[in-house]
Amino acid sequence: MSHSLVGADRNTHFKIVAVALVSAVVLVVVGLVARLDGSRMDDSETAIAQLHANGPVLKVGKSKTVTTRDGTTIR
């Protein structure tokens, strides 16, 4: 059994292309079905992600590098 694609025959290349094509078609169909099922919901059932900023704004200070070597922390 040869594990190289360079020396593979025409039949092996055809099998690889066929598996890739079938996989791509299945992926597209699953994506379309998932999208169509999500768009059939009513507006009241549709989940919408929203970003709300509540509370104070945190400001970042100076960055620190912390490393550990032989159980000793070096800062």
Protein backbone atom coordinates (compact mmCIF):
# COMPACT_ATOMS: atom_id res chain seq x y z
CA MET A 1 0.00 0.00 0.00
CA SER A 2 1.40 3.36 -1.02
CA HIS A 3 0.74 6.34 1.25
CA SER A 4 1.91 8.93 -1.26
CA LEU A 5 -0.39 10.95 -3.53
CA VAL A 6 2.44 11.48 -6.00
CA GLY A 7 2.50 7.84 -7.01
CA ALA A 8 -1.26 7.30 -6.70
CA ASP A 9 -3.20 6.16 -9.72
CA ARG A 10 -6.10 7.90 -11.42
CA ASN A 11 -8.72 5.94 -9.47
CA THR A 12 -7.30 7.09 -6.13
CA HIS A 13 -7.31 10.73 -7.22
CA PHE A 14 -10.91 10.34 -8.39
CA LYS A 15 -11.92 8.91 -5.00
CA ILE A 16 -10.29 11.80 -3.16
CA VAL A 17 -12.00 14.39 -5.35
CA ALA A 18 -15.36 12.61 -5.01
CA VAL A 19 -15.13 12.48 -1.19
CA ALA A 20 -14.17 16.17 -1.06
CA LEU A 21 -17.05 17.12 -3.36
CA VAL A 22 -19.61 15.11 -1.40
CA SER A 23 -18.31 16.60 1.86
CA ALA A 24 -18.57 20.13 0.49
CA VAL A 25 -22.14 19.54 -0.73
CA VAL A 26 -23.17 18.08 2.64
CA LEU A 27 -21.64 21.07 4.44
CA VAL A 28 -23.50 23.55 2.22
CA VAL A 29 -26.80 21.71 2.62
CA VAL A 30 -26.45 21.56 6.41
CA GLY A 31 -25.64 25.29 6.48
CA LEU A 32 -28.64 26.15 4.31
CA VAL A 33 -31.01 24.01 6.37
CA ALA A 34 -29.75 25.58 9.60
CA ARG A 35 -30.15 29.07 8.15
CA LEU A 36 -33.63 28.37 6.82
CA ASP A 37 -34.78 26.90 10.14
CA GLY A 38 -33.52 30.00 11.95
CA SER A 39 -35.28 32.38 9.58
CA ARG A 40 -38.69 30.68 10.03
CA MET A 41 -39.00 31.91 13.61
CA ASP A 42 -41.35 34.75 14.45
CA ASP A 43 -39.89 38.06 15.54
CA SER A 44 -40.89 37.34 19.13
CA GLU A 45 -38.89 34.09 19.13
CA THR A 46 -35.81 35.40 17.38
CA ALA A 47 -32.78 35.62 19.63
CA ILE A 48 -30.88 38.87 19.11
CA ALA A 49 -27.50 39.42 20.72
CA GLN A 50 -27.06 42.92 22.08
CA LEU A 51 -24.15 44.54 23.84
CA HIS A 52 -24.95 46.61 26.93
CA ALA A 53 -22.30 48.58 28.79
CA ASN A 54 -23.26 48.73 32.47
CA GLY A 55 -21.07 49.88 35.33
CA PRO A 56 -17.82 51.80 35.43
CA VAL A 57 -15.24 51.71 32.67
CA LEU A 58 -12.06 49.86 33.62
CA LYS A 59 -8.79 51.36 32.47
CA VAL A 60 -5.75 49.18 31.86
CA GLY A 61 -2.59 49.99 33.77
CA LYS A 62 0.99 49.14 32.89
CA SER A 63 1.56 45.60 31.70
CA LYS A 64 3.70 43.22 33.75
CA THR A 65 5.63 40.14 32.73
CA VAL A 66 5.60 37.31 35.24
CA THR A 67 7.63 34.15 34.71
CA THR A 68 8.40 31.14 36.87
CA ARG A 69 11.72 29.34 36.92
CA ASP A 70 12.51 26.48 39.30
CA GLY A 71 9.67 27.50 41.60
CA THR A 72 10.96 31.08 41.94
CA THR A 73 8.72 33.86 40.69
CA ILE A 74 10.57 36.60 38.84
CA ARG A 75 8.84 39.93 38.36
